[in-house]
Amino acid sequence: MTTLPSYDVQNALCGRGLTVTAGTAPILQGVDLTLPKGKLLGLIGPNGAGKSTLLKAVLGLRSIDQGKVTIDGQLLDQLSARARAHLMAYAAQGAPVHWPLTAEHIVALGRIPHLDPWQKISSADMAAIESAMKETDSLHLRDRVVTTLSGGERACVLLARAIVTAAPYLLADEPVAALDPYHQLQVMDILRQRADMGQGVLIVLHDLSLARRFCDELLLLNKGQVLAYGSPEDVLTADNLEKAYNIRAAEWQREGEHFLVPWRRGDATY
């Protein structure tokens, strides 16, 4: 049985016993997680394991059949949408943008929770927007219409929008999926730095090497249940990789950091 890491729930984003079904089919079954401020937690698992569903359930974007979500000790379902927006920022995977707005305008939407109705963006807001776009290497895109951007460029802009919200918790669904290797590392560096500065960061990842290298803790889902939860070295064991992914992996260390690469299918004979 997986032991839940122990943290002060008054300073953490928590899910307890989260169960989600689609019709009669279970998607999540009694899942627990704890995201304290100052930690980078990676959600990993094979396709269809329930990672994105869990992320949306924690955000309140997906209804749950059983369980509860709390933010700093407050029940999620008792918070207003505005209060949630102050506490949690979200960068969705491949989020469609249909309106022909500039990238700067898209990032500016992240400041809405801090504005009163009809209040104009202030110089302080503009400084925060510029800072977030610099941080995500998207400032040069500020005047580009977002519908003309590549998938990778759009991902950086949407991450900047999440960052500029300045919420204590940042959640991202596969934030490096559309990026080239340089920008994958850049985004992971940004998220690592965000956690080091005290933000609680929860991300869905498929890249096990990045998960091993950058995350403080990993939650490994398999068939809607928690297979393992803890430090990367405790989660990414040969047995867990075989059970969840049907793979074998190679691992080595360089410059004090650990790297893990999927190497063989578990059923491969070569």
C-alpha atoms as a PDB file:
ATOM      1  CA  MET A   1       0.000   0.000   0.000  1.00  0.00           C
ATOM      2  CA  THR A   2       1.335   3.443  -0.970  1.00  0.00           C
ATOM      3  CA  THR A   3       1.885   5.822   1.945  1.00  0.00           C
ATOM      4  CA  LEU A   4       0.803   9.414   1.358  1.00  0.00           C
ATOM      5  CA  PRO A   5       3.626  11.913   1.996  1.00  0.00           C
ATOM      6  CA  SER A   6       2.932  13.853   5.218  1.00  0.00           C
ATOM      7  CA  TYR A   7       2.507  17.632   4.899  1.00  0.00           C
ATOM      8  CA  ASP A   8       0.591  20.388   6.669  1.00  0.00           C
ATOM      9  CA  VAL A   9      -2.777  20.453   4.869  1.00  0.00           C
ATOM     10  CA  GLN A  10      -3.235  24.086   5.930  1.00  0.00           C
ATOM     11  CA  ASN A  11      -0.461  24.985   3.483  1.00  0.00           C
ATOM     12  CA  ALA A  12      -1.160  22.536   0.700  1.00  0.00           C
ATOM     13  CA  LEU A  13      -3.490  21.626  -2.144  1.00  0.00           C
ATOM     14  CA  CYS A  14      -4.958  18.238  -1.254  1.00  0.00           C
ATOM     15  CA  GLY A  15      -7.163  15.590  -2.809  1.00  0.00           C
ATOM     16  CA  ARG A  16      -8.560  12.794  -0.669  1.00  0.00           C
ATOM     17  CA  GLY A  17     -10.349   9.679  -1.933  1.00  0.00           C
ATOM     18  CA  LEU A  18     -11.000  11.195  -5.358  1.00  0.00           C
ATOM     19  CA  THR A  19     -13.271   8.941  -7.409  1.00  0.00           C
ATOM     20  CA  VAL A  20     -14.516   9.813 -10.891  1.00  0.00           C
ATOM     21  CA  THR A  21     -16.619   7.641 -13.184  1.00  0.00           C
ATOM     22  CA  ALA A  22     -17.846   7.969 -16.765  1.00  0.00           C
ATOM     23  CA  GLY A  23     -21.137   6.117 -16.878  1.00  0.00           C
ATOM     24  CA  THR A  24     -20.289   2.915 -15.037  1.00  0.00           C
ATOM     25  CA  ALA A  25     -16.597   2.946 -15.981  1.00  0.00           C
ATOM     26  CA  PRO A  26     -14.208   4.107 -13.235  1.00  0.00           C
ATOM     27  CA  ILE A  27     -11.618   6.692 -14.305  1.00  0.00           C
ATOM     28  CA  LEU A  28     -10.198   7.457 -10.850  1.00  0.00           C
ATOM     29  CA  GLN A  29     -10.588   5.217  -7.828  1.00  0.00           C
ATOM     30  CA  GLY A  30      -9.899   6.658  -4.382  1.00  0.00           C
ATOM     31  CA  VAL A  31      -6.887   8.760  -5.354  1.00  0.00           C
ATOM     32  CA  ASP A  32      -5.057  10.854  -2.729  1.00  0.00           C
ATOM     33  CA  LEU A  33      -2.481  13.568  -3.353  1.00  0.00           C
ATOM     34  CA  THR A  34      -0.866  16.420  -1.461  1.00  0.00           C
ATOM     35  CA  LEU A  35       0.858  19.391  -3.097  1.00  0.00           C
ATOM     36  CA  PRO A  36       2.585  21.646  -0.564  1.00  0.00           C
ATOM     37  CA  LYS A  37       3.942  25.060  -1.453  1.00  0.00           C
ATOM     38  CA  GLY A  38       7.561  24.851  -2.563  1.00  0.00           C
ATOM     39  CA  LYS A  39       7.309  21.412  -4.183  1.00  0.00           C
ATOM     40  CA  LEU A  40       7.154  20.179  -7.785  1.00  0.00           C
ATOM     41  CA  LEU A  41       4.869  17.149  -8.040  1.00  0.00           C
ATOM     42  CA  GLY A  42       4.709  15.192 -11.290  1.00  0.00           C
ATOM     43  CA  LEU A  43       1.683  13.131 -12.339  1.00  0.00           C
ATOM     44  CA  ILE A  44       2.868  10.248 -14.501  1.00  0.00           C
ATOM     45  CA  GLY A  45       1.359   7.075 -15.908  1.00  0.00           C
ATOM     46  CA  PRO A  46       0.453   5.419 -19.206  1.00  0.00           C
ATOM     47  CA  ASN A  47      -2.164   6.739 -21.604  1.00  0.00           C
ATOM     48  CA  GLY A  48      -5.637   6.467 -20.117  1.00  0.00           C
ATOM     49  CA  ALA A  49      -4.364   6.197 -16.527  1.00  0.00           C
ATOM     50  CA  GLY A  50      -6.443   9.228 -15.429  1.00  0.00           C
ATOM     51  CA  LYS A  51      -3.754  11.922 -15.158  1.00  0.00           C
ATOM     52  CA  SER A  52      -5.619  14.757 -16.892  1.00  0.00           C
ATOM     53  CA  THR A  53      -8.864  13.774 -15.168  1.00  0.00           C
ATOM     54  CA  LEU A  54      -7.120  13.986 -11.789  1.00  0.00           C
ATOM     55  CA  LEU A  55      -5.695  17.404 -12.635  1.00  0.00           C
ATOM     56  CA  LYS A  56      -9.130  18.703 -13.666  1.00  0.00           C
ATOM     57  CA  ALA A  57     -10.759  17.207 -10.569  1.00  0.00           C
ATOM     58  CA  VAL A  58      -8.274  19.026  -8.343  1.00  0.00           C
ATOM     59  CA  LEU A  59      -8.993  22.253 -10.225  1.00  0.00           C
ATOM     60  CA  GLY A  60     -12.748  21.795  -9.872  1.00  0.00           C
ATOM     61  CA  LEU A  61     -13.143  21.507 -13.651  1.00  0.00           C
ATOM     62  CA  ARG A  62     -14.321  17.894 -13.423  1.00  0.00           C
ATOM     63  CA  SER A  63     -17.000  16.775 -10.988  1.00  0.00           C
ATOM     64  CA  ILE A  64     -16.066  13.989  -8.597  1.00  0.00           C
ATOM     65  CA  ASP A  65     -18.324  11.178  -7.408  1.00  0.00           C
ATOM     66  CA  GLN A  66     -16.543  10.735  -4.093  1.00  0.00           C
ATOM     67  CA  GLY A  67     -13.801  12.473  -2.150  1.00  0.00           C
ATOM     68  CA  LYS A  68     -12.862  16.067  -1.504  1.00  0.00           C
ATOM     69  CA  VAL A  69     -10.354  18.715  -2.540  1.00  0.00           C
ATOM     70  CA  THR A  70      -9.028  21.302  -0.101  1.00  0.00           C
ATOM     71  CA  ILE A  71      -6.808  24.355  -0.654  1.00  0.00           C
ATOM     72  CA  ASP A  72      -4.942  25.573   2.408  1.00  0.00           C
ATOM     73  CA  GLY A  73      -7.521  23.764   4.532  1.00  0.00           C
ATOM     74  CA  GLN A  74     -10.560  25.215   2.691  1.00  0.00           C
ATOM     75  CA  LEU A  75     -12.962  22.967   0.787  1.00  0.00           C
ATOM     76  CA  LEU A  76     -12.751  23.655  -2.937  1.00  0.00           C
ATOM     77  CA  ASP A  77     -16.503  23.437  -3.469  1.00  0.00           C
ATOM     78  CA  GLN A  78     -17.060  26.176  -0.880  1.00  0.00           C
ATOM     79  CA  LEU A  79     -14.836  28.681  -2.698  1.00  0.00           C
ATOM     80  CA  SER A  80     -16.083  31.095  -5.337  1.00  0.00           C
ATOM     81  CA  ALA A  81     -14.691  30.942  -8.855  1.00  0.00           C
ATOM     82  CA  ARG A  82     -12.810  34.179  -8.187  1.00  0.00           C
ATOM     83  CA  ALA A  83     -11.272  32.791  -4.999  1.00  0.00           C
ATOM     84  CA  ARG A  84     -10.181  29.658  -6.853  1.00  0.00           C
ATOM     85  CA  ALA A  85      -8.601  31.782  -9.582  1.00  0.00           C
ATOM     86  CA  HIS A  86      -6.583  33.623  -6.942  1.00  0.00           C
ATOM     87  CA  LEU A  87      -5.307  30.349  -5.513  1.00  0.00           C
ATOM     88  CA  MET A  88      -4.747  28.169  -8.588  1.00  0.00           C
ATOM     89  CA  ALA A  89      -3.348  28.952 -12.032  1.00  0.00           C
ATOM     90  CA  TYR A  90      -3.855  26.469 -14.870  1.00  0.00           C
ATOM     91  CA  ALA A  91      -2.000  25.888 -18.128  1.00  0.00           C
ATOM     92  CA  ALA A  92      -4.107  23.473 -20.167  1.00  0.00           C
ATOM     93  CA  GLN A  93      -2.681  21.068 -22.713  1.00  0.00           C
ATOM     94  CA  GLY A  94      -3.192  22.311 -26.272  1.00  0.00           C
ATOM     95  CA  ALA A  95      -5.820  24.818 -25.141  1.00  0.00           C
ATOM     96  CA  PRO A  96      -7.598  26.173 -28.257  1.00  0.00           C
ATOM     97  CA  VAL A  97      -7.569  29.928 -28.799  1.00  0.00           C
ATOM     98  CA  HIS A  98     -10.235  30.949 -31.291  1.00  0.00           C
ATOM     99  CA  TRP A  99     -10.167  34.730 -30.989  1.00  0.00           C
ATOM    100  CA  PRO A 100      -7.533  36.645 -32.988  1.00  0.00           C
ATOM    101  CA  LEU A 101      -5.944  38.252 -29.933  1.00  0.00           C
ATOM    102  CA  THR A 102      -2.294  39.114 -29.590  1.00  0.00           C
ATOM    103  CA  ALA A 103      -0.109  36.957 -27.371  1.00  0.00           C
ATOM    104  CA  GLU A 104       0.206  39.868 -24.935  1.00  0.00           C
ATOM    105  CA  HIS A 105      -3.589  40.069 -24.609  1.00  0.00           C
ATOM    106  CA  ILE A 106      -3.762  36.331 -23.921  1.00  0.00           C
ATOM    107  CA  VAL A 107      -1.188  36.634 -21.147  1.00  0.00           C
ATOM    108  CA  ALA A 108      -3.029  39.674 -19.756  1.00  0.00           C
ATOM    109  CA  LEU A 109      -6.084  37.464 -19.151  1.00  0.00           C
ATOM    110  CA  GLY A 110      -4.117  35.957 -16.288  1.00  0.00           C
ATOM    111  CA  ARG A 111      -4.457  39.239 -14.399  1.00  0.00           C
ATOM    112  CA  ILE A 112      -8.273  39.171 -14.443  1.00  0.00           C
ATOM    113  CA  PRO A 113      -8.605  37.634 -10.933  1.00  0.00           C
ATOM    114  CA  HIS A 114      -6.793  40.690  -9.566  1.00  0.00           C
ATOM    115  CA  LEU A 115      -9.054  43.250 -11.273  1.00  0.00           C
ATOM    116  CA  ASP A 116     -12.450  44.606 -10.343  1.00  0.00           C
ATOM    117  CA  PRO A 117     -15.151  44.595 -13.051  1.00  0.00           C
ATOM    118  CA  TRP A 118     -14.261  47.069 -15.822  1.00  0.00           C
ATOM    119  CA  GLN A 119     -10.989  47.948 -14.112  1.00  0.00           C
ATOM    120  CA  LYS A 120      -8.192  48.708 -16.535  1.00  0.00           C
ATOM    121  CA  ILE A 121      -4.835  46.971 -16.551  1.00  0.00           C
ATOM    122  CA  SER A 122      -2.364  49.020 -14.483  1.00  0.00           C
ATOM    123  CA  SER A 123       1.313  49.702 -15.054  1.00  0.00           C
ATOM    124  CA  ALA A 124       2.071  47.116 -12.346  1.00  0.00           C
ATOM    125  CA  ASP A 125      -0.022  44.561 -14.236  1.00  0.00           C
ATOM    126  CA  MET A 126       1.834  45.376 -17.461  1.00  0.00           C
ATOM    127  CA  ALA A 127       5.163  44.925 -15.684  1.00  0.00           C
ATOM    128  CA  ALA A 128       4.009  41.503 -14.435  1.00  0.00           C
ATOM    129  CA  ILE A 129       2.897  40.545 -17.957  1.00  0.00           C
ATOM    130  CA  GLU A 130       6.233  41.561 -19.450  1.00  0.00           C
ATOM    131  CA  SER A 131       8.113  39.683 -16.737  1.00  0.00           C
ATOM    132  CA  ALA A 132       6.118  36.474 -17.311  1.00  0.00           C
ATOM    133  CA  MET A 133       6.657  36.665 -21.065  1.00  0.00           C
ATOM    134  CA  LYS A 134      10.382  37.186 -20.584  1.00  0.00           C
ATOM    135  CA  GLU A 135      10.491  34.226 -18.210  1.00  0.00           C
ATOM    136  CA  THR A 136       8.872  31.952 -20.801  1.00  0.00           C
ATOM    137  CA  ASP A 137      10.877  33.324 -23.742  1.00  0.00           C
ATOM    138  CA  SER A 138       7.707  34.609 -25.398  1.00  0.00           C
ATOM    139  CA  LEU A 139       8.159  38.390 -25.155  1.00  0.00           C
ATOM    140  CA  HIS A 140       9.176  38.572 -28.816  1.00  0.00           C
ATOM    141  CA  LEU A 141       5.714  37.170 -29.628  1.00  0.00           C
ATOM    142  CA  ARG A 142       3.820  39.887 -27.760  1.00  0.00           C
ATOM    143  CA  ASP A 143       2.350  41.508 -30.908  1.00  0.00           C
ATOM    144  CA  ARG A 144       1.735  38.252 -32.795  1.00  0.00           C
ATOM    145  CA  VAL A 145      -1.861  37.085 -33.197  1.00  0.00           C
ATOM    146  CA  VAL A 146      -2.025  33.922 -31.124  1.00  0.00           C
ATOM    147  CA  THR A 147      -3.824  31.923 -33.835  1.00  0.00           C
ATOM    148  CA  THR A 148      -0.720  32.309 -36.030  1.00  0.00           C
ATOM    149  CA  LEU A 149       1.618  30.782 -33.444  1.00  0.00           C
ATOM    150  CA  SER A 150       3.022  27.272 -33.570  1.00  0.00           C
ATOM    151  CA  GLY A 151       1.941  24.756 -30.946  1.00  0.00           C
ATOM    152  CA  GLY A 152       5.187  25.272 -29.039  1.00  0.00           C
ATOM    153  CA  GLU A 153       4.937  29.057 -29.143  1.00  0.00           C
ATOM    154  CA  ARG A 154       1.339  28.909 -27.962  1.00  0.00           C
ATOM    155  CA  ALA A 155       2.338  26.614 -25.085  1.00  0.00           C
ATOM    156  CA  CYS A 156       4.895  29.183 -23.886  1.00  0.00           C
ATOM    157  CA  VAL A 157       2.318  31.977 -24.077  1.00  0.00           C
ATOM    158  CA  LEU A 158      -0.232  29.952 -22.096  1.00  0.00           C
ATOM    159  CA  LEU A 159       2.391  29.154 -19.470  1.00  0.00           C
ATOM    160  CA  ALA A 160       3.115  32.890 -19.203  1.00  0.00           C
ATOM    161  CA  ARG A 161      -0.615  33.481 -18.669  1.00  0.00           C
ATOM    162  CA  ALA A 162      -0.582  30.979 -15.794  1.00  0.00           C
ATOM    163  CA  ILE A 163       2.546  32.499 -14.263  1.00  0.00           C
ATOM    164  CA  VAL A 164       1.210  36.063 -14.379  1.00  0.00           C
ATOM    165  CA  THR A 165      -1.776  35.030 -12.266  1.00  0.00           C
ATOM    166  CA  ALA A 166       0.667  34.875  -9.309  1.00  0.00           C
ATOM    167  CA  ALA A 167      -1.357  32.136  -7.628  1.00  0.00           C
ATOM    168  CA  PRO A 168       0.295  30.061  -4.889  1.00  0.00           C
ATOM    169  CA  TYR A 169      -0.413  26.887  -6.887  1.00  0.00           C
ATOM    170  CA  LEU A 170       0.352  26.356 -10.569  1.00  0.00           C
ATOM    171  CA  LEU A 171      -1.048  23.331 -12.405  1.00  0.00           C
ATOM    172  CA  ALA A 172      -0.057  22.383 -15.952  1.00  0.00           C
ATOM    173  CA  ASP A 173      -1.174  19.541 -18.225  1.00  0.00           C
ATOM    174  CA  GLU A 174       1.791  18.271 -20.266  1.00  0.00           C
ATOM    175  CA  PRO A 175       3.500  21.691 -20.456  1.00  0.00           C
ATOM    176  CA  VAL A 176       6.416  20.370 -22.567  1.00  0.00           C
ATOM    177  CA  ALA A 177       4.449  18.170 -24.983  1.00  0.00           C
ATOM    178  CA  ALA A 178       4.673  20.501 -27.988  1.00  0.00           C
ATOM    179  CA  LEU A 179       8.162  21.828 -27.376  1.00  0.00           C
ATOM    180  CA  ASP A 180      11.573  21.131 -28.897  1.00  0.00           C
ATOM    181  CA  PRO A 181      14.309  19.805 -26.542  1.00  0.00           C
ATOM    182  CA  TYR A 182      15.723  23.261 -25.741  1.00  0.00           C
ATOM    183  CA  HIS A 183      12.332  24.668 -24.765  1.00  0.00           C
ATOM    184  CA  GLN A 184      11.397  21.495 -22.875  1.00  0.00           C
ATOM    185  CA  LEU A 185      14.414  22.057 -20.645  1.00  0.00           C
ATOM    186  CA  GLN A 186      13.653  25.763 -20.413  1.00  0.00           C
ATOM    187  CA  VAL A 187      10.073  25.163 -19.273  1.00  0.00           C
ATOM    188  CA  MET A 188      11.150  22.530 -16.749  1.00  0.00           C
ATOM    189  CA  ASP A 189      13.787  24.935 -15.418  1.00  0.00           C
ATOM    190  CA  ILE A 190      11.079  27.592 -15.043  1.00  0.00           C
ATOM    191  CA  LEU A 191       8.741  25.222 -13.192  1.00  0.00           C
ATOM    192  CA  ARG A 192      11.594  24.026 -10.977  1.00  0.00           C
ATOM    193  CA  GLN A 193      12.470  27.643 -10.138  1.00  0.00           C
ATOM    194  CA  ARG A 194       8.803  28.401  -9.432  1.00  0.00           C
ATOM    195  CA  ALA A 195       8.709  25.610  -6.865  1.00  0.00           C
ATOM    196  CA  ASP A 196      12.021  26.723  -5.375  1.00  0.00           C
ATOM    197  CA  MET A 197      10.519  30.206  -4.915  1.00  0.00           C
ATOM    198  CA  GLY A 198       7.654  28.740  -2.868  1.00  0.00           C
ATOM    199  CA  GLN A 199       4.948  27.985  -5.408  1.00  0.00           C
ATOM    200  CA  GLY A 200       3.272  24.578  -5.378  1.00  0.00           C
ATOM    201  CA  VAL A 201       3.616  23.151  -8.898  1.00  0.00           C
ATOM    202  CA  LEU A 202       1.651  20.148 -10.188  1.00  0.00           C
ATOM    203  CA  ILE A 203       2.317  18.925 -13.729  1.00  0.00           C
ATOM    204  CA  VAL A 204       1.296  16.022 -15.939  1.00  0.00           C
ATOM    205  CA  LEU A 205       4.327  14.490 -17.656  1.00  0.00           C
ATOM    206  CA  HIS A 206       4.987  11.669 -20.102  1.00  0.00           C
ATOM    207  CA  ASP A 207       8.762  12.156 -20.247  1.00  0.00           C
ATOM    208  CA  LEU A 208      10.144   9.945 -17.492  1.00  0.00           C
ATOM    209  CA  SER A 209      13.638  11.396 -17.804  1.00  0.00           C
ATOM    210  CA  LEU A 210      12.358  14.918 -17.096  1.00  0.00           C
ATOM    211  CA  ALA A 211      10.198  13.573 -14.280  1.00  0.00           C
ATOM    212  CA  ARG A 212      13.184  11.826 -12.705  1.00  0.00           C
ATOM    213  CA  ARG A 213      15.416  14.864 -13.003  1.00  0.00           C
ATOM    214  CA  PHE A 214      13.197  17.813 -12.069  1.00  0.00           C
ATOM    215  CA  CYS A 215      10.375  16.664  -9.776  1.00  0.00           C
ATOM    216  CA  ASP A 216      10.522  16.476  -5.980  1.00  0.00           C
ATOM    217  CA  GLU A 217       7.857  13.784  -5.917  1.00  0.00           C
ATOM    218  CA  LEU A 218       5.953  11.654  -8.410  1.00  0.00           C
ATOM    219  CA  LEU A 219       2.473  10.179  -8.344  1.00  0.00           C
ATOM    220  CA  LEU A 220       2.273   7.167 -10.659  1.00  0.00           C
ATOM    221  CA  LEU A 221      -1.250   6.361 -11.804  1.00  0.00           C
ATOM    222  CA  ASN A 222      -2.218   3.078 -13.419  1.00  0.00           C
ATOM    223  CA  LYS A 223      -5.784   2.221 -14.416  1.00  0.00           C
ATOM    224  CA  GLY A 224      -7.156   5.055 -12.301  1.00  0.00           C
ATOM    225  CA  GLN A 225      -5.391   4.039  -9.113  1.00  0.00           C
ATOM    226  CA  VAL A 226      -2.197   5.131  -7.382  1.00  0.00           C
ATOM    227  CA  LEU A 227       0.496   2.559  -8.108  1.00  0.00           C
ATOM    228  CA  ALA A 228       3.278   4.507  -6.379  1.00  0.00           C
ATOM    229  CA  TYR A 229       3.734   7.899  -4.711  1.00  0.00           C
ATOM    230  CA  GLY A 230       6.931   9.407  -3.353  1.00  0.00           C
ATOM    231  CA  SER A 231      10.421  10.436  -4.411  1.00  0.00           C
ATOM    232  CA  PRO A 232      11.403   9.800  -8.062  1.00  0.00           C
ATOM    233  CA  GLU A 233      13.879   7.097  -7.061  1.00  0.00           C
ATOM    234  CA  ASP A 234      11.206   5.280  -5.043  1.00  0.00           C
ATOM    235  CA  VAL A 235       8.542   5.565  -7.754  1.00  0.00           C
ATOM    236  CA  LEU A 236      10.555   4.853 -10.916  1.00  0.00           C
ATOM    237  CA  THR A 237      11.626   1.371  -9.924  1.00  0.00           C
ATOM    238  CA  ALA A 238      12.016  -1.474 -12.408  1.00  0.00           C
ATOM    239  CA  ASP A 239       8.971  -3.208 -10.925  1.00  0.00           C
ATOM    240  CA  ASN A 240       6.732  -0.120 -11.161  1.00  0.00           C
ATOM    241  CA  LEU A 241       7.836   0.648 -14.727  1.00  0.00           C
ATOM    242  CA  GLU A 242       7.084  -2.924 -15.718  1.00  0.00           C
ATOM    243  CA  LYS A 243       3.625  -2.860 -14.090  1.00  0.00           C
ATOM    244  CA  ALA A 244       2.544   0.550 -15.381  1.00  0.00           C
ATOM    245  CA  TYR A 245       4.248   0.859 -18.760  1.00  0.00           C
ATOM    246  CA  ASN A 246       5.466  -2.650 -19.646  1.00  0.00           C
ATOM    247  CA  ILE A 247       8.968  -1.255 -20.219  1.00  0.00           C
ATOM    248  CA  ARG A 248      12.503  -1.577 -18.956  1.00  0.00           C
ATOM    249  CA  ALA A 249      14.603   1.545 -18.508  1.00  0.00           C
ATOM    250  CA  ALA A 250      18.252   2.533 -18.392  1.00  0.00           C
ATOM    251  CA  GLU A 251      19.437   4.937 -15.680  1.00  0.00           C
ATOM    252  CA  TRP A 252      22.698   6.743 -15.104  1.00  0.00           C
ATOM    253  CA  GLN A 253      24.116   9.748 -13.278  1.00  0.00           C
ATOM    254  CA  ARG A 254      25.961  12.781 -14.616  1.00  0.00           C
ATOM    255  CA  GLU A 255      27.046  15.970 -12.878  1.00  0.00           C
ATOM    256  CA  GLY A 256      25.181  14.889  -9.764  1.00  0.00           C
ATOM    257  CA  GLU A 257      21.845  14.426 -11.581  1.00  0.00           C
ATOM    258  CA  HIS A 258      20.027  11.192 -12.397  1.00  0.00           C
ATOM    259  CA  PHE A 259      18.716  10.351 -15.855  1.00  0.00           C
ATOM    260  CA  LEU A 260      16.271   7.640 -16.870  1.00  0.00           C
ATOM    261  CA  VAL A 261      15.455   6.574 -20.421  1.00  0.00           C
ATOM    262  CA  PRO A 262      12.927   3.933 -21.563  1.00  0.00           C
ATOM    263  CA  TRP A 263      15.069   1.280 -23.219  1.00  0.00           C
ATOM    264  CA  ARG A 264      13.118  -1.868 -24.021  1.00  0.00           C
ATOM    265  CA  ARG A 265       9.522  -2.998 -24.110  1.00  0.00           C
ATOM    266  CA  GLY A 266       8.936  -5.323 -21.234  1.00  0.00           C
ATOM    267  CA  ASP A 267       7.902  -8.085 -23.629  1.00  0.00           C
ATOM    268  CA  ALA A 268      10.696  -7.450 -26.154  1.00  0.00           C
ATOM    269  CA  THR A 269      12.936 -10.403 -27.016  1.00  0.00           C
ATOM    270  CA  TYR A 270      15.728  -8.455 -28.746  1.00  0.00           C
END
